[in-house]
Amino acid sequence: MAAASTHYPWYKKEDTDAFFALFQNNIANFVIIAITMLGMGFPLHCLWSGTARCCGSGNGG
């Protein structure tokens, strides 16, 4: 007796909803982390520069 195969669609409307929900969630998390870091005294250039070395992690802080 052969097992019935399951068909999964490539795309559903909920995929787009989930994409935008995750996008908004990530933006909200970034804003919360940025505000928290600024409140703790991190310099602004450490948040936006994209490099870790400006925040005292070793190479020429």
PDB file of N, CA and C in Angstrom:
ATOM      1  N   MET A   1       0.842  -1.179   0.000  1.00  0.00           N
ATOM      2  CA  MET A   1       0.000   0.000   0.000  1.00  0.00           C
ATOM      3  C   MET A   1       0.890   1.247   0.000  1.00  0.00           C
ATOM      4  N   ALA A   2       0.686   2.127  -0.951  1.00  0.00           N
ATOM      5  CA  ALA A   2       1.500   3.339  -1.101  1.00  0.00           C
ATOM      6  C   ALA A   2       0.979   4.447  -0.189  1.00  0.00           C
ATOM      7  N   ALA A   3       1.898   5.174   0.364  1.00  0.00           N
ATOM      8  CA  ALA A   3       1.516   6.305   1.214  1.00  0.00           C
ATOM      9  C   ALA A   3       1.075   7.473   0.342  1.00  0.00           C
ATOM     10  N   ALA A   4       0.081   8.194   0.812  1.00  0.00           N
ATOM     11  CA  ALA A   4      -0.410   9.356   0.068  1.00  0.00           C
ATOM     12  C   ALA A   4       0.597  10.499   0.177  1.00  0.00           C
ATOM     13  N   SER A   5       0.888  11.125  -0.954  1.00  0.00           N
ATOM     14  CA  SER A   5       1.821  12.252  -0.923  1.00  0.00           C
ATOM     15  C   SER A   5       1.089  13.535  -0.538  1.00  0.00           C
ATOM     16  N   THR A   6       1.826  14.403   0.117  1.00  0.00           N
ATOM     17  CA  THR A   6       1.254  15.670   0.550  1.00  0.00           C
ATOM     18  C   THR A   6       1.755  16.772  -0.375  1.00  0.00           C
ATOM     19  N   HIS A   7       0.846  17.615  -0.812  1.00  0.00           N
ATOM     20  CA  HIS A   7       1.202  18.724  -1.696  1.00  0.00           C
ATOM     21  C   HIS A   7       1.275  20.008  -0.880  1.00  0.00           C
ATOM     22  N   TYR A   8       2.432  20.666  -0.937  1.00  0.00           N
ATOM     23  CA  TYR A   8       2.602  21.957  -0.289  1.00  0.00           C
ATOM     24  C   TYR A   8       2.713  23.027  -1.366  1.00  0.00           C
ATOM     25  N   PRO A   9       1.880  24.059  -1.303  1.00  0.00           N
ATOM     26  CA  PRO A   9       1.966  25.117  -2.318  1.00  0.00           C
ATOM     27  C   PRO A   9       3.251  25.932  -2.150  1.00  0.00           C
ATOM     28  N   TRP A  10       3.740  26.486  -3.255  1.00  0.00           N
ATOM     29  CA  TRP A  10       4.940  27.308  -3.210  1.00  0.00           C
ATOM     30  C   TRP A  10       4.693  28.648  -2.524  1.00  0.00           C
ATOM     31  N   TYR A  11       3.486  29.152  -2.616  1.00  0.00           N
ATOM     32  CA  TYR A  11       3.200  30.477  -2.087  1.00  0.00           C
ATOM     33  C   TYR A  11       1.764  30.528  -1.607  1.00  0.00           C
ATOM     34  N   LYS A  12       1.577  31.193  -0.480  1.00  0.00           N
ATOM     35  CA  LYS A  12       0.236  31.473   0.029  1.00  0.00           C
ATOM     36  C   LYS A  12       0.210  32.929   0.478  1.00  0.00           C
ATOM     37  N   LYS A  13      -0.966  33.507   0.606  1.00  0.00           N
ATOM     38  CA  LYS A  13      -1.102  34.894   1.048  1.00  0.00           C
ATOM     39  C   LYS A  13      -0.476  35.096   2.420  1.00  0.00           C
ATOM     40  N   GLU A  14      -0.551  34.100   3.251  1.00  0.00           N
ATOM     41  CA  GLU A  14       0.008  34.211   4.594  1.00  0.00           C
ATOM     42  C   GLU A  14       1.529  34.387   4.577  1.00  0.00           C
ATOM     43  N   ASP A  15       2.183  33.961   3.490  1.00  0.00           N
ATOM     44  CA  ASP A  15       3.631  34.156   3.385  1.00  0.00           C
ATOM     45  C   ASP A  15       3.981  35.641   3.370  1.00  0.00           C
ATOM     46  N   THR A  16       3.218  36.419   2.630  1.00  0.00           N
ATOM     47  CA  THR A  16       3.460  37.864   2.573  1.00  0.00           C
ATOM     48  C   THR A  16       3.158  38.501   3.923  1.00  0.00           C
ATOM     49  N   ASP A  17       2.069  38.082   4.549  1.00  0.00           N
ATOM     50  CA  ASP A  17       1.739  38.607   5.878  1.00  0.00           C
ATOM     51  C   ASP A  17       2.857  38.313   6.873  1.00  0.00           C
ATOM     52  N   ALA A  18       3.391  37.105   6.825  1.00  0.00           N
ATOM     53  CA  ALA A  18       4.454  36.725   7.747  1.00  0.00           C
ATOM     54  C   ALA A  18       5.730  37.522   7.473  1.00  0.00           C
ATOM     55  N   PHE A  19       6.028  37.763   6.200  1.00  0.00           N
ATOM     56  CA  PHE A  19       7.222  38.539   5.856  1.00  0.00           C
ATOM     57  C   PHE A  19       7.146  39.928   6.473  1.00  0.00           C
ATOM     58  N   PHE A  20       6.034  40.617   6.311  1.00  0.00           N
ATOM     59  CA  PHE A  20       5.918  41.970   6.846  1.00  0.00           C
ATOM     60  C   PHE A  20       5.827  41.970   8.361  1.00  0.00           C
ATOM     61  N   ALA A  21       5.241  40.945   8.944  1.00  0.00           N
ATOM     62  CA  ALA A  21       5.191  40.853  10.402  1.00  0.00           C
ATOM     63  C   ALA A  21       6.598  40.676  10.964  1.00  0.00           C
ATOM     64  N   LEU A  22       7.406  39.818  10.355  1.00  0.00           N
ATOM     65  CA  LEU A  22       8.782  39.631  10.818  1.00  0.00           C
ATOM     66  C   LEU A  22       9.614  40.887  10.597  1.00  0.00           C
ATOM     67  N   PHE A  23       9.378  41.563   9.483  1.00  0.00           N
ATOM     68  CA  PHE A  23      10.101  42.809   9.207  1.00  0.00           C
ATOM     69  C   PHE A  23       9.817  43.849  10.293  1.00  0.00           C
ATOM     70  N   GLN A  24       8.555  44.035  10.619  1.00  0.00           N
ATOM     71  CA  GLN A  24       8.190  45.009  11.644  1.00  0.00           C
ATOM     72  C   GLN A  24       8.734  44.605  13.009  1.00  0.00           C
ATOM     73  N   ASN A  25       8.737  43.313  13.293  1.00  0.00           N
ATOM     74  CA  ASN A  25       9.266  42.837  14.558  1.00  0.00           C
ATOM     75  C   ASN A  25      10.760  43.120  14.660  1.00  0.00           C
ATOM     76  N   ASN A  26      11.490  42.890  13.582  1.00  0.00           N
ATOM     77  CA  ASN A  26      12.927  43.141  13.598  1.00  0.00           C
ATOM     78  C   ASN A  26      13.229  44.631  13.745  1.00  0.00           C
ATOM     79  N   ILE A  27      12.457  45.472  13.089  1.00  0.00           N
ATOM     80  CA  ILE A  27      12.660  46.924  13.224  1.00  0.00           C
ATOM     81  C   ILE A  27      12.391  47.349  14.668  1.00  0.00           C
ATOM     82  N   ALA A  28      11.323  46.836  15.258  1.00  0.00           N
ATOM     83  CA  ALA A  28      11.001  47.185  16.641  1.00  0.00           C
ATOM     84  C   ALA A  28      12.115  46.734  17.581  1.00  0.00           C
ATOM     85  N   ASN A  29      12.631  45.536  17.386  1.00  0.00           N
ATOM     86  CA  ASN A  29      13.725  45.051  18.229  1.00  0.00           C
ATOM     87  C   ASN A  29      14.961  45.923  18.075  1.00  0.00           C
ATOM     88  N   PHE A  30      15.273  46.312  16.846  1.00  0.00           N
ATOM     89  CA  PHE A  30      16.434  47.168  16.613  1.00  0.00           C
ATOM     90  C   PHE A  30      16.271  48.508  17.328  1.00  0.00           C
ATOM     91  N   VAL A  31      15.098  49.094  17.255  1.00  0.00           N
ATOM     92  CA  VAL A  31      14.853  50.380  17.912  1.00  0.00           C
ATOM     93  C   VAL A  31      14.991  50.243  19.425  1.00  0.00           C
ATOM     94  N   ILE A  32      14.435  49.184  19.988  1.00  0.00           N
ATOM     95  CA  ILE A  32      14.532  48.969  21.439  1.00  0.00           C
ATOM     96  C   ILE A  32      15.988  48.785  21.859  1.00  0.00           C
ATOM     97  N   ILE A  33      16.745  47.989  21.107  1.00  0.00           N
ATOM     98  CA  ILE A  33      18.151  47.778  21.438  1.00  0.00           C
ATOM     99  C   ILE A  33      18.944  49.068  21.301  1.00  0.00           C
ATOM    100  N   ALA A  34      18.684  49.829  20.238  1.00  0.00           N
ATOM    101  CA  ALA A  34      19.407  51.089  20.031  1.00  0.00           C
ATOM    102  C   ALA A  34      19.121  52.079  21.151  1.00  0.00           C
ATOM    103  N   ILE A  35      17.880  52.214  21.544  1.00  0.00           N
ATOM    104  CA  ILE A  35      17.527  53.145  22.623  1.00  0.00           C
ATOM    105  C   ILE A  35      18.156  52.697  23.936  1.00  0.00           C
ATOM    106  N   THR A  36      18.145  51.391  24.186  1.00  0.00           N
ATOM    107  CA  THR A  36      18.754  50.868  25.408  1.00  0.00           C
ATOM    108  C   THR A  36      20.258  51.127  25.428  1.00  0.00           C
ATOM    109  N   MET A  37      20.916  50.887  24.298  1.00  0.00           N
ATOM    110  CA  MET A  37      22.365  51.116  24.240  1.00  0.00           C
ATOM    111  C   MET A  37      22.698  52.593  24.422  1.00  0.00           C
ATOM    112  N   LEU A  38      21.918  53.472  23.805  1.00  0.00           N
ATOM    113  CA  LEU A  38      22.157  54.905  23.987  1.00  0.00           C
ATOM    114  C   LEU A  38      21.925  55.309  25.437  1.00  0.00           C
ATOM    115  N   GLY A  39      20.914  54.721  26.052  1.00  0.00           N
ATOM    116  CA  GLY A  39      20.634  55.009  27.457  1.00  0.00           C
ATOM    117  C   GLY A  39      21.734  54.536  28.383  1.00  0.00           C
ATOM    118  N   MET A  40      22.451  53.484  28.002  1.00  0.00           N
ATOM    119  CA  MET A  40      23.555  52.973  28.817  1.00  0.00           C
ATOM    120  C   MET A  40      24.858  53.712  28.545  1.00  0.00           C
ATOM    121  N   GLY A  41      24.849  54.633  27.589  1.00  0.00           N
ATOM    122  CA  GLY A  41      26.025  55.459  27.358  1.00  0.00           C
ATOM    123  C   GLY A  41      26.895  55.064  26.184  1.00  0.00           C
ATOM    124  N   PHE A  42      26.444  54.155  25.340  1.00  0.00           N
ATOM    125  CA  PHE A  42      27.230  53.831  24.148  1.00  0.00           C
ATOM    126  C   PHE A  42      27.227  55.032  23.212  1.00  0.00           C
ATOM    127  N   PRO A  43      28.354  55.326  22.573  1.00  0.00           N
ATOM    128  CA  PRO A  43      28.373  56.433  21.620  1.00  0.00           C
ATOM    129  C   PRO A  43      27.525  56.110  20.383  1.00  0.00           C
ATOM    130  N   LEU A  44      26.976  57.132  19.792  1.00  0.00           N
ATOM    131  CA  LEU A  44      26.091  56.942  18.645  1.00  0.00           C
ATOM    132  C   LEU A  44      26.796  56.267  17.478  1.00  0.00           C
ATOM    133  N   HIS A  45      28.079  56.560  17.256  1.00  0.00           N
ATOM    134  CA  HIS A  45      28.764  55.972  16.105  1.00  0.00           C
ATOM    135  C   HIS A  45      28.943  54.463  16.259  1.00  0.00           C
ATOM    136  N   CYS A  46      28.868  53.944  17.489  1.00  0.00           N
ATOM    137  CA  CYS A  46      28.960  52.489  17.667  1.00  0.00           C
ATOM    138  C   CYS A  46      27.689  51.788  17.195  1.00  0.00           C
ATOM    139  N   LEU A  47      26.585  52.494  17.214  1.00  0.00           N
ATOM    140  CA  LEU A  47      25.323  51.882  16.781  1.00  0.00           C
ATOM    141  C   LEU A  47      25.207  51.851  15.266  1.00  0.00           C
ATOM    142  N   TRP A  48      25.707  52.868  14.594  1.00  0.00           N
ATOM    143  CA  TRP A  48      25.441  53.000  13.164  1.00  0.00           C
ATOM    144  C   TRP A  48      26.627  52.713  12.270  1.00  0.00           C
ATOM    145  N   SER A  49      27.831  52.541  12.846  1.00  0.00           N
ATOM    146  CA  SER A  49      29.008  52.406  11.997  1.00  0.00           C
ATOM    147  C   SER A  49      29.127  51.035  11.343  1.00  0.00           C
ATOM    148  N   GLY A  50      28.595  50.009  11.977  1.00  0.00           N
ATOM    149  CA  GLY A  50      28.682  48.671  11.418  1.00  0.00           C
ATOM    150  C   GLY A  50      29.965  47.955  11.755  1.00  0.00           C
ATOM    151  N   THR A  51      30.823  48.558  12.563  1.00  0.00           N
ATOM    152  CA  THR A  51      32.053  47.887  12.969  1.00  0.00           C
ATOM    153  C   THR A  51      32.041  47.688  14.467  1.00  0.00           C
ATOM    154  N   ALA A  52      32.635  46.597  14.908  1.00  0.00           N
ATOM    155  CA  ALA A  52      32.671  46.304  16.339  1.00  0.00           C
ATOM    156  C   ALA A  52      33.861  46.963  17.013  1.00  0.00           C
ATOM    157  N   ARG A  53      34.899  47.341  16.269  1.00  0.00           N
ATOM    158  CA  ARG A  53      36.113  47.830  16.905  1.00  0.00           C
ATOM    159  C   ARG A  53      35.948  49.189  17.556  1.00  0.00           C
ATOM    160  N   CYS A  54      34.938  49.971  17.193  1.00  0.00           N
ATOM    161  CA  CYS A  54      34.774  51.278  17.817  1.00  0.00           C
ATOM    162  C   CYS A  54      34.223  51.151  19.232  1.00  0.00           C
ATOM    163  N   CYS A  55      33.736  50.013  19.596  1.00  0.00           N
ATOM    164  CA  CYS A  55      33.111  49.846  20.914  1.00  0.00           C
ATOM    165  C   CYS A  55      34.031  49.158  21.905  1.00  0.00           C
ATOM    166  N   GLY A  56      35.328  49.249  21.703  1.00  0.00           N
ATOM    167  CA  GLY A  56      36.267  48.724  22.662  1.00  0.00           C
ATOM    168  C   GLY A  56      36.439  47.226  22.625  1.00  0.00           C
ATOM    169  N   SER A  57      36.265  46.593  21.481  1.00  0.00           N
ATOM    170  CA  SER A  57      36.421  45.146  21.420  1.00  0.00           C
ATOM    171  C   SER A  57      37.809  44.758  20.919  1.00  0.00           C
ATOM    172  N   GLY A  58      38.763  45.641  21.061  1.00  0.00           N
ATOM    173  CA  GLY A  58      40.119  45.231  20.721  1.00  0.00           C
ATOM    174  C   GLY A  58      40.879  46.198  19.845  1.00  0.00           C
ATOM    175  N   ASN A  59      40.664  46.178  18.574  1.00  0.00           N
ATOM    176  CA  ASN A  59      41.554  46.824  17.604  1.00  0.00           C
ATOM    177  C   ASN A  59      41.368  48.329  17.526  1.00  0.00           C
ATOM    178  N   GLY A  60      41.963  49.052  18.399  1.00  0.00           N
ATOM    179  CA  GLY A  60      42.030  50.506  18.259  1.00  0.00           C
ATOM    180  C   GLY A  60      40.760  51.234  18.556  1.00  0.00           C
ATOM    181  N   GLY A  61      40.193  51.047  19.695  1.00  0.00           N
ATOM    182  CA  GLY A  61      38.961  51.565  20.135  1.00  0.00           C
ATOM    183  C   GLY A  61      38.612  52.959  20.099  1.00  0.00           C
TER     184      GLY A  61
END
